[in-house]
């Protein structure tokens, strides 16, 4: 895979140079499927807390490559609706959907266009971190609106350790944003709870994991040995993408003691 192929026409990041491409697009182009800060393990814990069953109408904000959609669909919900703003990603998710009540629509998590009380479960991963405080509130508020009373909401996001000072938080945000070419605004677990509770949710469960997205151990856990080898081979063939990935990993390692991942499951009061 060359730098040219990383930005080929019609795919994620089409028409954007690898130097300017958002980090998650670079990783996806290299073959990385799992783009969650706490890995598949934390995603599984979030889904376990959501307890999706056959009676549920599930809404996923920003399904991306569809990895979590597959996991949710294995629980055979009554319906599944993905809301994805990227047309290429939305088309990819649609190819995974086989049921009559399964669909992926193009739209914003802040304004989904779905009716009030449409779902019994809403979740989103690795998306709130990349939004401002006002946008975070709007997305969580939209989840609250879309859920029926008693419905469950799950998030899986990058977090900051509770002891991180405001100056250190600003440094983390600056360094990560520069590395991934997207605004990165992680919060402490308590601050994430506040974001949900301010929109009316009651947080019921919390789980954490280290942020090891680009470390060999996590790559093998999330992608499998063959998948990790494939990513490594693609990196060797693509110097532009390799430079970006190494830059991201340096930033993650520099702040390893300050950052992590958190999953919360909350309920809309009945």
C-alpha atoms as a PDB file:
ATOM      1  CA  UNK A   1       0.000   0.000   0.000  1.00  0.00           C
ATOM      2  CA  UNK A   2       1.523   3.302  -1.060  1.00  0.00           C
ATOM      3  CA  UNK A   3       0.666   6.817   0.054  1.00  0.00           C
ATOM      4  CA  UNK A   4      -1.223   7.129  -3.224  1.00  0.00           C
ATOM      5  CA  UNK A   5      -3.411   4.157  -2.306  1.00  0.00           C
ATOM      6  CA  UNK A   6      -4.122   5.570   1.127  1.00  0.00           C
ATOM      7  CA  UNK A   7      -5.960   8.482  -0.462  1.00  0.00           C
ATOM      8  CA  UNK A   8      -7.428   6.644  -3.434  1.00  0.00           C
ATOM      9  CA  UNK A   9     -10.661   7.933  -4.931  1.00  0.00           C
ATOM     10  CA  UNK A  10     -13.879   6.761  -3.371  1.00  0.00           C
ATOM     11  CA  UNK A  11     -12.608   5.605   0.026  1.00  0.00           C
ATOM     12  CA  UNK A  12     -12.360   7.092   3.495  1.00  0.00           C
ATOM     13  CA  UNK A  13     -10.328  10.260   3.239  1.00  0.00           C
ATOM     14  CA  UNK A  14     -10.717  10.438  -0.538  1.00  0.00           C
ATOM     15  CA  UNK A  15      -9.041  13.561  -1.908  1.00  0.00           C
ATOM     16  CA  UNK A  16      -7.170  14.325   1.339  1.00  0.00           C
ATOM     17  CA  UNK A  17      -3.384  14.036   1.596  1.00  0.00           C
ATOM     18  CA  UNK A  18      -2.086  11.523   4.123  1.00  0.00           C
ATOM     19  CA  UNK A  19      -0.371  14.372   6.000  1.00  0.00           C
ATOM     20  CA  UNK A  20      -3.716  16.108   6.635  1.00  0.00           C
ATOM     21  CA  UNK A  21      -5.970  13.072   6.913  1.00  0.00           C
ATOM     22  CA  UNK A  22      -7.631  12.424  10.295  1.00  0.00           C
ATOM     23  CA  UNK A  23      -5.723   9.766  12.181  1.00  0.00           C
ATOM     24  CA  UNK A  24      -8.581   7.253  12.299  1.00  0.00           C
ATOM     25  CA  UNK A  25      -8.846   7.380   8.493  1.00  0.00           C
ATOM     26  CA  UNK A  26      -5.104   6.717   8.151  1.00  0.00           C
ATOM     27  CA  UNK A  27      -5.417   3.695  10.442  1.00  0.00           C
ATOM     28  CA  UNK A  28      -8.504   2.415   8.641  1.00  0.00           C
ATOM     29  CA  UNK A  29      -6.729   2.661   5.291  1.00  0.00           C
ATOM     30  CA  UNK A  30      -3.895   0.574   6.695  1.00  0.00           C
ATOM     31  CA  UNK A  31      -6.342  -2.168   7.652  1.00  0.00           C
ATOM     32  CA  UNK A  32      -7.032  -1.339  11.311  1.00  0.00           C
ATOM     33  CA  UNK A  33     -10.639  -2.248  12.055  1.00  0.00           C
ATOM     34  CA  UNK A  34     -10.894  -1.460  15.769  1.00  0.00           C
ATOM     35  CA  UNK A  35     -10.547   2.277  16.368  1.00  0.00           C
ATOM     36  CA  UNK A  36     -11.763   2.464  19.976  1.00  0.00           C
ATOM     37  CA  UNK A  37      -9.532   3.832  22.770  1.00  0.00           C
ATOM     38  CA  UNK A  38     -10.219   0.928  25.129  1.00  0.00           C
ATOM     39  CA  UNK A  39     -10.200  -1.764  22.436  1.00  0.00           C
ATOM     40  CA  UNK A  40     -12.681  -4.555  21.813  1.00  0.00           C
ATOM     41  CA  UNK A  41     -12.572  -5.548  25.474  1.00  0.00           C
ATOM     42  CA  UNK A  42     -14.050  -2.249  26.651  1.00  0.00           C
ATOM     43  CA  UNK A  43     -16.569  -2.272  23.797  1.00  0.00           C
ATOM     44  CA  UNK A  44     -17.713  -5.725  24.925  1.00  0.00           C
ATOM     45  CA  UNK A  45     -18.136  -4.464  28.498  1.00  0.00           C
ATOM     46  CA  UNK A  46     -20.214  -1.524  27.272  1.00  0.00           C
ATOM     47  CA  UNK A  47     -22.440  -3.827  25.207  1.00  0.00           C
ATOM     48  CA  UNK A  48     -22.785  -6.146  28.168  1.00  0.00           C
ATOM     49  CA  UNK A  49     -24.009  -3.245  30.286  1.00  0.00           C
ATOM     50  CA  UNK A  50     -26.503  -2.261  27.589  1.00  0.00           C
ATOM     51  CA  UNK A  51     -27.899  -5.823  27.669  1.00  0.00           C
ATOM     52  CA  UNK A  52     -29.235  -5.702  24.105  1.00  0.00           C
ATOM     53  CA  UNK A  53     -31.956  -8.271  23.450  1.00  0.00           C
ATOM     54  CA  UNK A  54     -34.521  -9.265  20.842  1.00  0.00           C
ATOM     55  CA  UNK A  55     -37.011  -6.680  22.090  1.00  0.00           C
ATOM     56  CA  UNK A  56     -34.644  -3.747  21.615  1.00  0.00           C
ATOM     57  CA  UNK A  57     -34.543  -1.080  18.932  1.00  0.00           C
ATOM     58  CA  UNK A  58     -30.865  -0.127  18.724  1.00  0.00           C
ATOM     59  CA  UNK A  59     -29.413   3.151  17.417  1.00  0.00           C
ATOM     60  CA  UNK A  60     -25.674   3.535  16.896  1.00  0.00           C
ATOM     61  CA  UNK A  61     -24.116   6.965  16.458  1.00  0.00           C
ATOM     62  CA  UNK A  62     -21.147   6.988  14.035  1.00  0.00           C
ATOM     63  CA  UNK A  63     -20.730   3.235  13.386  1.00  0.00           C
ATOM     64  CA  UNK A  64     -17.633   3.888  11.262  1.00  0.00           C
ATOM     65  CA  UNK A  65     -16.263   0.566   9.985  1.00  0.00           C
ATOM     66  CA  UNK A  66     -19.116  -1.377  11.551  1.00  0.00           C
ATOM     67  CA  UNK A  67     -17.116  -3.484  14.026  1.00  0.00           C
ATOM     68  CA  UNK A  68     -19.391  -2.717  16.973  1.00  0.00           C
ATOM     69  CA  UNK A  69     -22.456  -2.978  14.732  1.00  0.00           C
ATOM     70  CA  UNK A  70     -21.517  -6.612  14.067  1.00  0.00           C
ATOM     71  CA  UNK A  71     -21.190  -7.252  17.795  1.00  0.00           C
ATOM     72  CA  UNK A  72     -24.549  -5.636  18.525  1.00  0.00           C
ATOM     73  CA  UNK A  73     -26.281  -7.528  15.719  1.00  0.00           C
ATOM     74  CA  UNK A  74     -25.026 -10.824  17.133  1.00  0.00           C
ATOM     75  CA  UNK A  75     -27.405 -10.116  20.032  1.00  0.00           C
ATOM     76  CA  UNK A  76     -30.320 -10.155  17.541  1.00  0.00           C
ATOM     77  CA  UNK A  77     -32.033  -6.854  18.411  1.00  0.00           C
ATOM     78  CA  UNK A  78     -35.496  -6.177  17.063  1.00  0.00           C
ATOM     79  CA  UNK A  79     -34.063  -3.397  14.897  1.00  0.00           C
ATOM     80  CA  UNK A  80     -30.777  -1.602  14.234  1.00  0.00           C
ATOM     81  CA  UNK A  81     -30.276   1.936  12.903  1.00  0.00           C
ATOM     82  CA  UNK A  82     -26.836   3.396  12.310  1.00  0.00           C
ATOM     83  CA  UNK A  83     -26.433   7.170  11.929  1.00  0.00           C
ATOM     84  CA  UNK A  84     -23.203   7.926  10.052  1.00  0.00           C
ATOM     85  CA  UNK A  85     -22.232  11.288   8.565  1.00  0.00           C
ATOM     86  CA  UNK A  86     -19.563   9.871   6.213  1.00  0.00           C
ATOM     87  CA  UNK A  87     -21.187   8.540   3.043  1.00  0.00           C
ATOM     88  CA  UNK A  88     -18.449   5.988   2.325  1.00  0.00           C
ATOM     89  CA  UNK A  89     -18.556   4.612   5.863  1.00  0.00           C
ATOM     90  CA  UNK A  90     -22.372   4.487   5.768  1.00  0.00           C
ATOM     91  CA  UNK A  91     -22.259   2.469   2.544  1.00  0.00           C
ATOM     92  CA  UNK A  92     -19.814   0.043   4.160  1.00  0.00           C
ATOM     93  CA  UNK A  93     -22.083  -0.472   7.164  1.00  0.00           C
ATOM     94  CA  UNK A  94     -25.069  -1.102   4.887  1.00  0.00           C
ATOM     95  CA  UNK A  95     -23.216  -4.016   3.339  1.00  0.00           C
ATOM     96  CA  UNK A  96     -23.184  -5.676   6.779  1.00  0.00           C
ATOM     97  CA  UNK A  97     -26.931  -5.341   7.320  1.00  0.00           C
ATOM     98  CA  UNK A  98     -29.122  -8.237   6.252  1.00  0.00           C
ATOM     99  CA  UNK A  99     -32.337  -7.905   8.242  1.00  0.00           C
ATOM    100  CA  UNK A 100     -35.533  -6.173   7.173  1.00  0.00           C
ATOM    101  CA  UNK A 101     -35.325  -3.808  10.146  1.00  0.00           C
ATOM    102  CA  UNK A 102     -31.653  -2.955   9.804  1.00  0.00           C
ATOM    103  CA  UNK A 103     -30.454   0.247   8.145  1.00  0.00           C
ATOM    104  CA  UNK A 104     -27.778   2.917   8.180  1.00  0.00           C
ATOM    105  CA  UNK A 105     -28.749   6.499   7.405  1.00  0.00           C
ATOM    106  CA  UNK A 106     -26.513   9.446   6.638  1.00  0.00           C
ATOM    107  CA  UNK A 107     -26.807  12.109   9.285  1.00  0.00           C
ATOM    108  CA  UNK A 108     -25.325  13.932  12.240  1.00  0.00           C
ATOM    109  CA  UNK A 109     -25.375  12.595  15.786  1.00  0.00           C
ATOM    110  CA  UNK A 110     -26.444  16.084  16.842  1.00  0.00           C
ATOM    111  CA  UNK A 111     -29.472  16.033  14.526  1.00  0.00           C
ATOM    112  CA  UNK A 112     -30.299  12.458  13.561  1.00  0.00           C
ATOM    113  CA  UNK A 113     -33.743  13.136  12.110  1.00  0.00           C
ATOM    114  CA  UNK A 114     -35.087  10.153  14.054  1.00  0.00           C
ATOM    115  CA  UNK A 115     -38.421  10.528  15.886  1.00  0.00           C
ATOM    116  CA  UNK A 116     -38.682  11.120  19.624  1.00  0.00           C
ATOM    117  CA  UNK A 117     -38.554   7.841  21.553  1.00  0.00           C
ATOM    118  CA  UNK A 118     -37.380   5.888  18.523  1.00  0.00           C
ATOM    119  CA  UNK A 119     -35.014   3.502  20.313  1.00  0.00           C
ATOM    120  CA  UNK A 120     -34.566   1.537  23.504  1.00  0.00           C
ATOM    121  CA  UNK A 121     -30.751   1.498  23.220  1.00  0.00           C
ATOM    122  CA  UNK A 122     -28.416   4.204  21.879  1.00  0.00           C
ATOM    123  CA  UNK A 123     -24.634   4.036  21.921  1.00  0.00           C
ATOM    124  CA  UNK A 124     -21.646   5.763  20.369  1.00  0.00           C
ATOM    125  CA  UNK A 125     -17.905   5.265  20.649  1.00  0.00           C
ATOM    126  CA  UNK A 126     -14.789   7.377  20.115  1.00  0.00           C
ATOM    127  CA  UNK A 127     -16.774  10.353  18.852  1.00  0.00           C
ATOM    128  CA  UNK A 128     -17.651  12.653  21.759  1.00  0.00           C
ATOM    129  CA  UNK A 129     -13.944  13.111  22.510  1.00  0.00           C
ATOM    130  CA  UNK A 130     -13.535  14.882  19.173  1.00  0.00           C
ATOM    131  CA  UNK A 131     -16.219  17.493  19.858  1.00  0.00           C
ATOM    132  CA  UNK A 132     -16.428  20.736  21.825  1.00  0.00           C
ATOM    133  CA  UNK A 133     -18.305  20.947  25.117  1.00  0.00           C
ATOM    134  CA  UNK A 134     -21.367  22.389  23.380  1.00  0.00           C
ATOM    135  CA  UNK A 135     -21.300  19.663  20.730  1.00  0.00           C
ATOM    136  CA  UNK A 136     -20.885  16.942  23.371  1.00  0.00           C
ATOM    137  CA  UNK A 137     -23.983  18.274  25.124  1.00  0.00           C
ATOM    138  CA  UNK A 138     -25.928  18.387  21.846  1.00  0.00           C
ATOM    139  CA  UNK A 139     -25.065  14.780  20.967  1.00  0.00           C
ATOM    140  CA  UNK A 140     -25.914  13.444  24.426  1.00  0.00           C
ATOM    141  CA  UNK A 141     -29.113  15.501  24.367  1.00  0.00           C
ATOM    142  CA  UNK A 142     -30.025  13.950  21.026  1.00  0.00           C
ATOM    143  CA  UNK A 143     -29.477  10.474  22.484  1.00  0.00           C
ATOM    144  CA  UNK A 144     -31.803  11.396  25.358  1.00  0.00           C
ATOM    145  CA  UNK A 145     -34.479  12.600  22.919  1.00  0.00           C
ATOM    146  CA  UNK A 146     -34.237   9.526  20.688  1.00  0.00           C
ATOM    147  CA  UNK A 147     -34.539   7.098  23.628  1.00  0.00           C
ATOM    148  CA  UNK A 148     -37.789   5.939  25.157  1.00  0.00           C
ATOM    149  CA  UNK A 149     -38.188   6.282  28.939  1.00  0.00           C
ATOM    150  CA  UNK A 150     -36.180   3.507  30.563  1.00  0.00           C
ATOM    151  CA  UNK A 151     -33.872   3.269  27.544  1.00  0.00           C
ATOM    152  CA  UNK A 152     -30.119   2.741  27.879  1.00  0.00           C
ATOM    153  CA  UNK A 153     -27.286   4.889  26.543  1.00  0.00           C
ATOM    154  CA  UNK A 154     -23.667   3.765  26.250  1.00  0.00           C
ATOM    155  CA  UNK A 155     -20.476   5.674  25.476  1.00  0.00           C
ATOM    156  CA  UNK A 156     -16.845   4.560  25.082  1.00  0.00           C
ATOM    157  CA  UNK A 157     -14.400   7.459  24.983  1.00  0.00           C
ATOM    158  CA  UNK A 158     -10.868   8.577  25.720  1.00  0.00           C
ATOM    159  CA  UNK A 159     -10.461   9.741  29.300  1.00  0.00           C
ATOM    160  CA  UNK A 160      -8.081  11.715  31.488  1.00  0.00           C
ATOM    161  CA  UNK A 161      -6.856  10.677  34.903  1.00  0.00           C
ATOM    162  CA  UNK A 162      -8.561  12.543  37.744  1.00  0.00           C
ATOM    163  CA  UNK A 163      -5.311  14.143  38.940  1.00  0.00           C
ATOM    164  CA  UNK A 164      -4.506  15.844  35.618  1.00  0.00           C
ATOM    165  CA  UNK A 165      -4.318  19.631  36.054  1.00  0.00           C
ATOM    166  CA  UNK A 166      -5.952  22.129  33.708  1.00  0.00           C
ATOM    167  CA  UNK A 167      -2.530  23.011  32.281  1.00  0.00           C
ATOM    168  CA  UNK A 168      -1.773  19.328  31.662  1.00  0.00           C
ATOM    169  CA  UNK A 169      -5.206  18.837  30.118  1.00  0.00           C
ATOM    170  CA  UNK A 170      -4.503  21.657  27.667  1.00  0.00           C
ATOM    171  CA  UNK A 171      -1.140  20.077  26.816  1.00  0.00           C
ATOM    172  CA  UNK A 172      -2.736  16.674  26.188  1.00  0.00           C
ATOM    173  CA  UNK A 173      -5.421  18.206  23.990  1.00  0.00           C
ATOM    174  CA  UNK A 174      -2.868  20.192  22.005  1.00  0.00           C
ATOM    175  CA  UNK A 175      -0.496  17.277  21.424  1.00  0.00           C
ATOM    176  CA  UNK A 176      -3.160  14.722  20.557  1.00  0.00           C
ATOM    177  CA  UNK A 177      -5.007  17.107  18.252  1.00  0.00           C
ATOM    178  CA  UNK A 178      -1.794  17.857  16.366  1.00  0.00           C
ATOM    179  CA  UNK A 179      -0.987  14.147  16.033  1.00  0.00           C
ATOM    180  CA  UNK A 180      -4.379  12.898  14.879  1.00  0.00           C
ATOM    181  CA  UNK A 181      -5.336  16.046  12.898  1.00  0.00           C
ATOM    182  CA  UNK A 182      -8.693  16.198  14.708  1.00  0.00           C
ATOM    183  CA  UNK A 183      -9.623  18.127  17.817  1.00  0.00           C
ATOM    184  CA  UNK A 184      -9.161  15.801  20.802  1.00  0.00           C
ATOM    185  CA  UNK A 185     -10.891  16.884  24.013  1.00  0.00           C
ATOM    186  CA  UNK A 186     -10.918  13.968  26.469  1.00  0.00           C
ATOM    187  CA  UNK A 187     -12.454  14.384  29.928  1.00  0.00           C
ATOM    188  CA  UNK A 188     -12.029  12.669  33.268  1.00  0.00           C
ATOM    189  CA  UNK A 189     -14.476   9.870  34.074  1.00  0.00           C
ATOM    190  CA  UNK A 190     -16.265  12.192  36.508  1.00  0.00           C
ATOM    191  CA  UNK A 191     -16.553  14.888  33.829  1.00  0.00           C
ATOM    192  CA  UNK A 192     -17.976  12.352  31.358  1.00  0.00           C
ATOM    193  CA  UNK A 193     -20.552  11.410  33.994  1.00  0.00           C
ATOM    194  CA  UNK A 194     -21.429  15.085  34.377  1.00  0.00           C
ATOM    195  CA  UNK A 195     -21.973  15.461  30.616  1.00  0.00           C
ATOM    196  CA  UNK A 196     -24.523  12.618  30.673  1.00  0.00           C
ATOM    197  CA  UNK A 197     -26.219  13.651  33.896  1.00  0.00           C
ATOM    198  CA  UNK A 198     -26.597  17.277  32.777  1.00  0.00           C
ATOM    199  CA  UNK A 199     -28.772  16.004  29.901  1.00  0.00           C
ATOM    200  CA  UNK A 200     -30.978  13.990  32.259  1.00  0.00           C
ATOM    201  CA  UNK A 201     -29.320  10.555  32.256  1.00  0.00           C
ATOM    202  CA  UNK A 202     -28.646   8.445  35.335  1.00  0.00           C
ATOM    203  CA  UNK A 203     -25.279   6.677  35.069  1.00  0.00           C
ATOM    204  CA  UNK A 204     -25.504   3.043  36.177  1.00  0.00           C
ATOM    205  CA  UNK A 205     -22.204   1.449  35.139  1.00  0.00           C
ATOM    206  CA  UNK A 206     -18.591   2.516  34.557  1.00  0.00           C
ATOM    207  CA  UNK A 207     -15.633   0.540  33.199  1.00  0.00           C
ATOM    208  CA  UNK A 208     -12.118   1.664  32.327  1.00  0.00           C
ATOM    209  CA  UNK A 209      -9.147   0.409  30.313  1.00  0.00           C
ATOM    210  CA  UNK A 210      -5.681   1.717  29.402  1.00  0.00           C
ATOM    211  CA  UNK A 211      -5.360   3.619  26.114  1.00  0.00           C
ATOM    212  CA  UNK A 212      -3.079   1.263  24.138  1.00  0.00           C
ATOM    213  CA  UNK A 213      -4.506   1.752  20.650  1.00  0.00           C
ATOM    214  CA  UNK A 214      -1.182   1.473  18.798  1.00  0.00           C
ATOM    215  CA  UNK A 215       0.723  -0.840  21.115  1.00  0.00           C
ATOM    216  CA  UNK A 216       1.584  -4.361  19.842  1.00  0.00           C
ATOM    217  CA  UNK A 217      -0.341  -6.144  22.606  1.00  0.00           C
ATOM    218  CA  UNK A 218      -3.576  -4.247  21.869  1.00  0.00           C
ATOM    219  CA  UNK A 219      -3.110  -4.591  18.090  1.00  0.00           C
ATOM    220  CA  UNK A 220      -2.970  -8.367  18.420  1.00  0.00           C
ATOM    221  CA  UNK A 221      -5.890  -8.458  20.877  1.00  0.00           C
ATOM    222  CA  UNK A 222      -8.094  -6.313  18.621  1.00  0.00           C
ATOM    223  CA  UNK A 223      -6.990  -7.328  15.130  1.00  0.00           C
ATOM    224  CA  UNK A 224      -5.637 -10.855  15.647  1.00  0.00           C
ATOM    225  CA  UNK A 225      -2.082 -11.894  14.812  1.00  0.00           C
ATOM    226  CA  UNK A 226      -2.682 -11.938  11.056  1.00  0.00           C
ATOM    227  CA  UNK A 227      -4.437  -8.574  11.134  1.00  0.00           C
ATOM    228  CA  UNK A 228      -1.582  -7.025  13.103  1.00  0.00           C
ATOM    229  CA  UNK A 229       0.933  -8.451  10.622  1.00  0.00           C
ATOM    230  CA  UNK A 230      -1.065  -7.065   7.710  1.00  0.00           C
ATOM    231  CA  UNK A 231      -1.090  -3.597   9.268  1.00  0.00           C
ATOM    232  CA  UNK A 232       2.657  -3.837   9.862  1.00  0.00           C
ATOM    233  CA  UNK A 233       3.288  -4.855   6.252  1.00  0.00           C
ATOM    234  CA  UNK A 234       1.180  -1.958   4.979  1.00  0.00           C
ATOM    235  CA  UNK A 235       3.144   0.432   7.182  1.00  0.00           C
ATOM    236  CA  UNK A 236       6.434  -0.801   5.741  1.00  0.00           C
ATOM    237  CA  UNK A 237       5.183  -0.105   2.207  1.00  0.00           C
ATOM    238  CA  UNK A 238       3.806   3.346   2.967  1.00  0.00           C
ATOM    239  CA  UNK A 239       6.328   5.854   4.376  1.00  0.00           C
ATOM    240  CA  UNK A 240       3.799   8.688   4.572  1.00  0.00           C
ATOM    241  CA  UNK A 241       1.323   6.685   6.609  1.00  0.00           C
ATOM    242  CA  UNK A 242       4.153   5.221   8.699  1.00  0.00           C
ATOM    243  CA  UNK A 243       5.302   8.702   9.690  1.00  0.00           C
ATOM    244  CA  UNK A 244       1.748   9.615  10.735  1.00  0.00           C
ATOM    245  CA  UNK A 245       1.260   6.448  12.795  1.00  0.00           C
ATOM    246  CA  UNK A 246       4.611   6.827  14.537  1.00  0.00           C
ATOM    247  CA  UNK A 247       3.712  10.432  15.335  1.00  0.00           C
ATOM    248  CA  UNK A 248       0.400   9.347  16.846  1.00  0.00           C
ATOM    249  CA  UNK A 249       2.068   6.625  18.888  1.00  0.00           C
ATOM    250  CA  UNK A 250       4.686   9.082  20.216  1.00  0.00           C
ATOM    251  CA  UNK A 251       1.906  11.403  21.374  1.00  0.00           C
ATOM    252  CA  UNK A 252      -0.008   8.557  23.023  1.00  0.00           C
ATOM    253  CA  UNK A 253       3.127   7.302  24.775  1.00  0.00           C
ATOM    254  CA  UNK A 254       4.133  10.794  25.907  1.00  0.00           C
ATOM    255  CA  UNK A 255       0.837  11.108  27.746  1.00  0.00           C
ATOM    256  CA  UNK A 256       0.336   7.436  28.640  1.00  0.00           C
ATOM    257  CA  UNK A 257       0.134   8.154  32.368  1.00  0.00           C
ATOM    258  CA  UNK A 258      -2.487  10.853  31.831  1.00  0.00           C
ATOM    259  CA  UNK A 259      -4.901   9.217  29.371  1.00  0.00           C
ATOM    260  CA  UNK A 260      -7.053   6.107  29.341  1.00  0.00           C
ATOM    261  CA  UNK A 261     -10.461   4.930  28.156  1.00  0.00           C
ATOM    262  CA  UNK A 262     -13.817   4.841  29.881  1.00  0.00           C
ATOM    263  CA  UNK A 263     -17.192   3.284  29.082  1.00  0.00           C
ATOM    264  CA  UNK A 264     -20.387   4.462  30.773  1.00  0.00           C
ATOM    265  CA  UNK A 265     -23.878   3.000  30.608  1.00  0.00           C
ATOM    266  CA  UNK A 266     -26.716   5.301  31.613  1.00  0.00           C
ATOM    267  CA  UNK A 267     -30.505   5.154  31.734  1.00  0.00           C
ATOM    268  CA  UNK A 268     -33.176   7.638  30.700  1.00  0.00           C
ATOM    269  CA  UNK A 269     -35.536   7.813  33.690  1.00  0.00           C
ATOM    270  CA  UNK A 270     -38.877   6.105  33.093  1.00  0.00           C
END
